[in-house]
Amino acid sequence: MSVQPKITADLEPEVPPAREPVQPGPSRRTELTAALADYSLVLLFAAVFVALSFTVDHFFSVENMLGLALSVSQIGMVACTMMFCLASRDFDLSVGSTVAFAGVLCAMILEATDSLFLAIGGAVLAGAVIGFINGAVIAYLRINALITTLATMEIVRGLGFIVSHGQAVGVSNEQFIELGIVSLFGIAVPIWVTLGCFIGFGVLLNNTLYGRNTLAIGGNPEASRLAGIRVERTRVLIFLLQGAVAAFAGVILASRITSGQPNAAQGFELSVMSGCVLGGVSLAGGRATISGVVVGVLIMGTVENVMNLLNIDAFYQYLVRGAILLIAVLLDQLKNRGRQA
């Protein structure tokens, strides 16, 4: 009986599959640096706030804190919608004129009809129309936002003087006057309205398609258009909201000063834009946070409040506000260069 020899095949040795190179994760130091960069403005404001509380008399009193919040309430309302304008690579210089015109119109309608609903509704509707015109001209006629809103600023301010004959329009309706001075749980209604704007527009920015589209348009309008975003319609809606909120802020202001004044809110647009830019809203578009806007508005209000407490001349206050705006723009430019590097 013969034994068959075993035939063994030459098997190639198994080669283990190549492993993809493991990308090193961010170090704890890098994460800490990024976190400090994100919250640097909040930390700076907290440090300055504590320092002022110990060095400036009456700064940290309850009365002064409520007065500070009330003084920035209108700026805070409009800053919420200006945030969307800046995030979409636009801006609106006509908000101060819209505030004044809406206050005058509201007072005139109120004196003519004695209807609070018609007065407030008419003023807000007029503001929405102004915003719609701004947005349509910028989005569809492709005219620069600087030229468009600068022209609207002059036109709307002129309309305010024309319809009021250059005079303040007094208000005698007590319900309307109470709107600006009545308190809820010890806090004035305008402050509650501003807090509502911060919460509402924060949700709109972070948790809705509208907010994501706004940031996308600011980041790259052409890519957004190719992705199916209706860029023109979104920009018109941004300006429409801007006008409506500015008009409502004008109504609140008229209630606080018990009259509609055509020369009110001079330089208002610069304060609003300063608060937004100081709060990290990029002038190049595509970047905005509601928390940053809140802190930016509070910084602007705190600086002005402290200068008033220290009896600093109003002429010097102009210098300080201008310097803050310049610093905010410079910081924005440095951030943009750092992201592009």
Protein backbone atom coordinates (compact mmCIF):
# COMPACT_ATOMS: atom_id res chain seq x y z
CA MET A 1 0.00 0.00 0.00
CA SER A 2 1.61 3.19 -1.19
CA VAL A 3 1.41 6.42 0.74
CA GLN A 4 0.53 9.47 -1.33
CA PRO A 5 2.86 12.33 -0.60
CA LYS A 6 1.22 15.40 0.82
CA ILE A 7 1.20 18.31 -1.55
CA THR A 8 1.49 21.60 0.27
CA ALA A 9 0.75 24.85 -1.48
CA ASP A 10 2.98 27.81 -0.88
CA LEU A 11 0.73 30.20 0.93
CA GLU A 12 1.62 33.88 1.02
CA PRO A 13 1.82 35.26 4.51
CA GLU A 14 -1.21 37.31 5.50
CA VAL A 15 -0.52 41.02 5.49
CA PRO A 16 -2.39 42.91 8.19
CA PRO A 17 -4.54 45.73 6.80
CA ALA A 18 -2.94 49.10 6.91
CA ARG A 19 -4.21 51.24 9.71
CA GLU A 20 -5.27 54.77 9.02
CA PRO A 21 -3.08 57.26 10.79
CA VAL A 22 -4.69 58.43 14.00
CA GLN A 23 -5.25 62.13 13.97
CA PRO A 24 -4.14 63.65 17.21
CA GLY A 25 -7.06 65.21 19.06
CA PRO A 26 -6.94 68.70 20.42
CA SER A 27 -4.92 68.96 23.57
CA ARG A 28 -6.47 70.18 26.78
CA ARG A 29 -4.40 73.32 26.49
CA THR A 30 -5.81 74.00 23.01
CA GLU A 31 -9.37 73.41 24.23
CA LEU A 32 -8.78 75.75 27.18
CA THR A 33 -7.40 78.44 24.88
CA ALA A 34 -10.40 78.13 22.56
CA ALA A 35 -12.81 78.32 25.49
CA LEU A 36 -11.07 81.41 26.84
CA ALA A 37 -11.25 83.02 23.38
CA ASP A 38 -14.98 82.29 23.14
CA TYR A 39 -15.74 83.66 26.58
CA SER A 40 -13.07 86.35 26.76
CA LEU A 41 -15.62 89.15 26.29
CA VAL A 42 -17.85 87.82 29.06
CA LEU A 43 -14.90 87.43 31.42
CA LEU A 44 -13.64 90.92 30.58
CA PHE A 45 -17.05 92.45 31.21
CA ALA A 46 -17.39 90.57 34.51
CA ALA A 47 -13.98 91.79 35.65
CA VAL A 48 -14.74 95.40 34.68
CA PHE A 49 -18.17 95.20 36.30
CA VAL A 50 -16.70 93.99 39.60
CA ALA A 51 -13.99 96.67 39.50
CA LEU A 52 -16.54 99.41 38.89
CA SER A 53 -18.72 98.13 41.71
CA PHE A 54 -15.88 98.79 44.16
CA THR A 55 -14.54 102.02 42.67
CA VAL A 56 -17.58 104.03 41.51
CA ASP A 57 -20.06 105.24 44.10
CA HIS A 58 -23.66 104.07 43.70
CA PHE A 59 -22.79 101.99 40.63
CA PHE A 60 -23.94 98.67 42.08
CA SER A 61 -27.07 100.07 43.72
CA VAL A 62 -30.42 98.54 42.78
CA GLU A 63 -31.67 101.87 41.46
CA ASN A 64 -28.65 102.32 39.20
CA MET A 65 -28.79 98.73 37.90
CA LEU A 66 -32.45 99.14 36.98
CA GLY A 67 -31.69 102.52 35.43
CA LEU A 68 -28.82 100.98 33.42
CA ALA A 69 -31.07 98.20 32.13
CA LEU A 70 -33.79 100.70 31.21
CA SER A 71 -31.33 102.99 29.42
CA VAL A 72 -30.15 100.20 27.09
CA SER A 73 -33.57 98.61 26.58
CA GLN A 74 -34.28 100.25 23.20
CA ILE A 75 -30.72 99.65 22.00
CA GLY A 76 -31.00 96.01 23.06
CA MET A 77 -34.26 95.50 21.14
CA VAL A 78 -32.87 96.85 17.88
CA ALA A 79 -29.49 95.15 18.37
CA CYS A 80 -31.28 91.78 18.14
CA THR A 81 -32.36 92.46 14.55
CA MET A 82 -29.21 94.40 13.64
CA MET A 83 -27.40 91.19 14.54
CA PHE A 84 -29.18 89.46 11.65
CA CYS A 85 -28.37 92.33 9.26
CA LEU A 86 -24.66 92.24 10.10
CA ALA A 87 -24.55 88.44 10.05
CA SER A 88 -25.89 88.53 6.47
CA ARG A 89 -23.20 91.06 5.39
CA ASP A 90 -25.56 94.05 5.51
CA PHE A 91 -26.31 96.84 7.95
CA ASP A 92 -29.00 99.44 8.51
CA LEU A 93 -28.20 103.09 9.19
CA SER A 94 -31.85 104.12 9.17
CA VAL A 95 -32.88 102.59 12.50
CA GLY A 96 -32.47 105.84 14.46
CA SER A 97 -34.71 107.72 12.02
CA THR A 98 -37.23 104.86 12.11
CA VAL A 99 -37.32 105.03 15.90
CA ALA A 100 -38.03 108.78 15.80
CA PHE A 101 -40.60 108.59 12.98
CA ALA A 102 -42.46 105.69 14.60
CA GLY A 103 -42.69 107.62 17.88
CA VAL A 104 -44.08 110.69 16.10
CA LEU A 105 -46.56 108.64 14.04
CA CYS A 106 -47.72 106.69 17.08
CA ALA A 107 -48.32 109.89 19.05
CA MET A 108 -50.23 111.48 16.15
CA ILE A 109 -52.49 108.45 15.61
CA LEU A 110 -53.07 108.17 19.34
CA GLU A 111 -54.11 111.81 19.66
CA ALA A 112 -56.38 111.51 16.61
CA THR A 113 -58.12 108.22 17.50
CA ASP A 114 -57.34 107.61 21.19
CA SER A 115 -56.84 103.96 20.19
CA LEU A 116 -53.76 102.32 21.64
CA PHE A 117 -54.07 99.38 19.25
CA LEU A 118 -54.27 101.54 16.13
CA ALA A 119 -51.41 103.78 17.27
CA ILE A 120 -48.96 101.00 18.05
CA GLY A 121 -50.06 98.88 15.08
CA GLY A 122 -49.78 101.79 12.65
CA ALA A 123 -46.29 102.72 13.89
CA VAL A 124 -44.99 99.14 13.72
CA LEU A 125 -46.53 98.69 10.26
CA ALA A 126 -44.83 101.87 9.05
CA GLY A 127 -41.50 100.58 10.37
CA ALA A 128 -42.03 97.26 8.60
CA VAL A 129 -42.73 99.10 5.33
CA ILE A 130 -39.50 101.12 5.72
CA GLY A 131 -37.58 97.91 6.36
CA PHE A 132 -39.22 96.19 3.40
CA ILE A 133 -38.22 99.04 1.09
CA ASN A 134 -34.65 98.88 2.36
CA GLY A 135 -34.47 95.13 1.86
CA ALA A 136 -36.09 95.16 -1.60
CA VAL A 137 -33.78 97.88 -2.90
CA ILE A 138 -30.68 96.16 -1.50
CA ALA A 139 -31.62 92.58 -2.45
CA TYR A 140 -33.33 93.02 -5.82
CA LEU A 141 -31.93 96.28 -7.19
CA ARG A 142 -28.46 95.38 -5.87
CA ILE A 143 -27.79 98.85 -4.46
CA ASN A 144 -25.19 99.00 -1.69
CA ALA A 145 -26.60 98.85 1.85
CA LEU A 146 -24.58 101.91 2.86
CA ILE A 147 -26.12 104.11 0.16
CA THR A 148 -29.62 102.67 0.53
CA THR A 149 -29.94 102.99 4.30
CA LEU A 150 -28.12 106.33 4.36
CA ALA A 151 -30.73 107.69 1.93
CA THR A 152 -33.56 106.12 3.93
CA MET A 153 -32.13 107.61 7.12
CA GLU A 154 -32.43 111.11 5.66
CA ILE A 155 -35.83 110.52 4.03
CA VAL A 156 -37.48 109.02 7.12
CA ARG A 157 -36.03 111.66 9.43
CA GLY A 158 -37.35 114.32 7.05
CA LEU A 159 -40.79 112.70 7.03
CA GLY A 160 -40.82 112.82 10.81
CA PHE A 161 -40.17 116.56 10.78
CA ILE A 162 -42.72 117.16 8.00
CA VAL A 163 -45.67 115.32 9.57
CA SER A 164 -44.98 116.86 13.00
CA HIS A 165 -44.17 120.33 11.58
CA GLY A 166 -40.87 120.14 13.40
CA GLN A 167 -42.53 120.02 16.81
CA ALA A 168 -42.79 117.37 19.50
CA VAL A 169 -46.19 115.64 19.49
CA GLY A 170 -47.45 115.39 23.06
CA VAL A 171 -49.33 112.36 24.38
CA SER A 172 -52.13 112.55 26.95
CA ASN A 173 -53.30 108.92 26.89
CA GLU A 174 -52.44 107.54 30.32
CA GLN A 175 -52.46 103.90 29.21
CA PHE A 176 -49.79 104.69 26.64
CA ILE A 177 -47.69 106.62 29.16
CA GLU A 178 -47.90 103.72 31.63
CA LEU A 179 -46.43 101.42 28.99
CA GLY A 180 -43.03 103.03 29.52
CA ILE A 181 -43.08 103.40 33.30
CA VAL A 182 -45.19 100.56 34.71
CA SER A 183 -43.26 97.80 36.50
CA LEU A 184 -43.77 94.06 36.75
CA PHE A 185 -42.12 92.42 39.79
CA GLY A 186 -40.18 95.63 40.31
CA ILE A 187 -38.78 95.68 36.76
CA ALA A 188 -40.01 98.15 34.11
CA VAL A 189 -41.94 96.75 31.15
CA PRO A 190 -39.36 97.95 28.54
CA ILE A 191 -36.75 95.79 30.27
CA TRP A 192 -39.05 92.76 30.08
CA VAL A 193 -39.65 93.47 26.40
CA THR A 194 -35.90 93.59 25.77
CA LEU A 195 -35.37 90.32 27.62
CA GLY A 196 -38.09 88.78 25.48
CA CYS A 197 -36.32 90.02 22.34
CA PHE A 198 -33.02 88.53 23.49
CA ILE A 199 -34.64 85.15 24.12
CA GLY A 200 -36.85 85.14 21.02
CA PHE A 201 -34.21 86.23 18.53
CA GLY A 202 -31.64 83.97 20.19
CA VAL A 203 -33.90 81.00 19.51
CA LEU A 204 -34.52 82.31 15.99
CA LEU A 205 -30.79 82.50 15.30
CA ASN A 206 -29.75 79.18 16.80
CA ASN A 207 -32.72 76.87 16.37
CA THR A 208 -34.48 77.76 13.13
CA LEU A 209 -33.87 77.43 9.41
CA TYR A 210 -34.15 81.21 9.11
CA GLY A 211 -31.21 81.70 11.47
CA ARG A 212 -29.06 79.10 9.74
CA ASN A 213 -29.85 80.61 6.35
CA THR A 214 -28.88 84.07 7.60
CA LEU A 215 -25.47 82.85 8.75
CA ALA A 216 -25.02 80.89 5.53
CA ILE A 217 -25.78 83.96 3.40
CA GLY A 218 -23.27 85.98 5.39
CA GLY A 219 -20.64 83.28 5.01
CA ASN A 220 -21.03 82.88 1.23
CA PRO A 221 -24.04 84.33 -0.61
CA GLU A 222 -23.33 82.57 -3.91
CA ALA A 223 -22.86 79.17 -2.32
CA SER A 224 -26.09 79.73 -0.37
CA ARG A 225 -27.93 80.50 -3.58
CA LEU A 226 -26.59 77.33 -5.22
CA ALA A 227 -27.66 75.37 -2.14
CA GLY A 228 -31.26 76.43 -2.72
CA ILE A 229 -31.53 79.25 -0.18
CA ARG A 230 -33.72 82.11 -1.38
CA VAL A 231 -31.13 84.75 -0.64
CA GLU A 232 -33.08 87.80 -1.81
CA ARG A 233 -36.26 86.87 0.04
CA THR A 234 -34.33 86.15 3.24
CA ARG A 235 -32.55 89.50 3.07
CA VAL A 236 -35.83 91.34 2.56
CA LEU A 237 -37.32 89.54 5.57
CA ILE A 238 -34.27 90.50 7.68
CA PHE A 239 -34.76 94.19 6.91
CA LEU A 240 -38.53 93.96 7.38
CA LEU A 241 -38.02 92.60 10.90
CA GLN A 242 -35.38 95.25 11.50
CA GLY A 243 -37.82 98.03 10.62
CA ALA A 244 -40.68 96.59 12.66
CA VAL A 245 -38.57 96.14 15.80
CA ALA A 246 -37.01 99.61 15.43
CA ALA A 247 -40.52 101.07 15.15
CA PHE A 248 -41.66 99.25 18.28
CA ALA A 249 -38.59 100.58 20.09
CA GLY A 250 -39.70 104.04 18.94
CA VAL A 251 -43.13 103.43 20.44
CA ILE A 252 -41.55 102.46 23.78
CA LEU A 253 -39.31 105.53 23.68
CA ALA A 254 -42.27 107.83 22.94
CA SER A 255 -44.10 106.28 25.88
CA ARG A 256 -41.14 106.90 28.19
CA ILE A 257 -40.73 110.56 27.20
CA THR A 258 -44.53 111.07 26.84
CA SER A 259 -44.20 112.53 23.33
CA GLY A 260 -43.14 111.74 19.80
CA GLN A 261 -40.07 113.79 18.92
CA PRO A 262 -38.73 113.97 15.34
CA ASN A 263 -35.20 114.70 16.56
CA ALA A 264 -35.08 111.70 18.91
CA ALA A 265 -32.59 108.83 18.63
CA GLN A 266 -29.78 110.87 17.10
CA GLY A 267 -26.76 108.56 16.71
CA PHE A 268 -28.90 105.59 17.79
CA GLU A 269 -27.70 103.43 14.87
CA LEU A 270 -24.05 103.83 15.91
CA SER A 271 -24.79 102.68 19.47
CA VAL A 272 -26.66 99.63 18.15
CA MET A 273 -23.92 98.67 15.70
CA SER A 274 -21.23 99.25 18.32
CA GLY A 275 -22.96 96.89 20.72
CA CYS A 276 -23.28 94.21 18.03
CA VAL A 277 -19.71 94.45 16.77
CA LEU A 278 -18.33 94.65 20.29
CA GLY A 279 -20.33 91.51 21.02
CA GLY A 280 -18.54 89.56 18.28
CA VAL A 281 -20.96 89.94 15.36
CA SER A 282 -18.68 89.97 12.33
CA LEU A 283 -18.90 92.82 9.82
CA ALA A 284 -17.77 90.28 7.22
CA GLY A 285 -20.89 88.22 7.90
CA GLY A 286 -21.49 84.62 8.87
CA ARG A 287 -20.79 84.91 12.60
CA ALA A 288 -23.09 86.07 15.42
CA THR A 289 -24.18 85.03 18.90
CA ILE A 290 -27.00 86.46 20.95
CA SER A 291 -24.93 86.15 24.15
CA GLY A 292 -22.24 88.30 22.58
CA VAL A 293 -24.81 90.93 21.58
CA VAL A 294 -26.18 91.01 25.14
CA VAL A 295 -22.70 91.57 26.58
CA GLY A 296 -21.82 94.12 23.90
CA VAL A 297 -24.95 96.16 24.61
CA LEU A 298 -24.28 95.99 28.36
CA ILE A 299 -20.70 97.16 27.87
CA MET A 300 -21.86 100.19 25.88
CA GLY A 301 -24.53 100.99 28.47
CA THR A 302 -22.17 100.49 31.40
CA VAL A 303 -19.55 102.82 29.94
CA GLU A 304 -22.12 105.56 29.41
CA ASN A 305 -23.64 104.99 32.84
CA VAL A 306 -20.25 105.28 34.57
CA MET A 307 -19.40 108.45 32.65
CA ASN A 308 -22.66 109.98 33.82
CA LEU A 309 -22.02 108.93 37.42
CA LEU A 310 -18.56 110.52 37.24
CA ASN A 311 -20.03 113.70 35.68
CA ILE A 312 -17.82 113.45 32.62
CA ASP A 313 -18.59 116.13 30.06
CA ALA A 314 -20.85 115.03 27.19
CA PHE A 315 -18.22 116.11 24.65
CA TYR A 316 -15.77 113.56 26.03
CA GLN A 317 -18.47 110.91 25.99
CA TYR A 318 -18.60 111.23 22.20
CA LEU A 319 -14.87 110.52 22.09
CA VAL A 320 -15.21 107.45 24.29
CA ARG A 321 -18.11 106.00 22.28
CA GLY A 322 -16.21 106.56 19.03
CA ALA A 323 -13.11 104.93 20.45
CA ILE A 324 -15.11 101.90 21.58
CA LEU A 325 -16.58 101.51 18.09
CA LEU A 326 -13.13 101.75 16.52
CA ILE A 327 -11.70 99.17 18.92
CA ALA A 328 -14.61 96.83 18.22
CA VAL A 329 -14.03 97.06 14.46
CA LEU A 330 -10.29 96.47 14.89
CA LEU A 331 -10.95 93.39 17.03
CA ASP A 332 -13.35 92.10 14.38
CA GLN A 333 -10.68 92.52 11.70
CA LEU A 334 -8.10 90.70 13.80
CA LYS A 335 -10.52 87.80 14.36
CA ASN A 336 -11.22 87.55 10.63
CA ARG A 337 -7.50 87.51 9.81
CA GLY A 338 -6.91 84.85 12.42
CA ARG A 339 -9.62 82.63 10.92
CA GLN A 340 -8.25 83.10 7.40
CA ALA A 341 -4.67 82.31 8.43
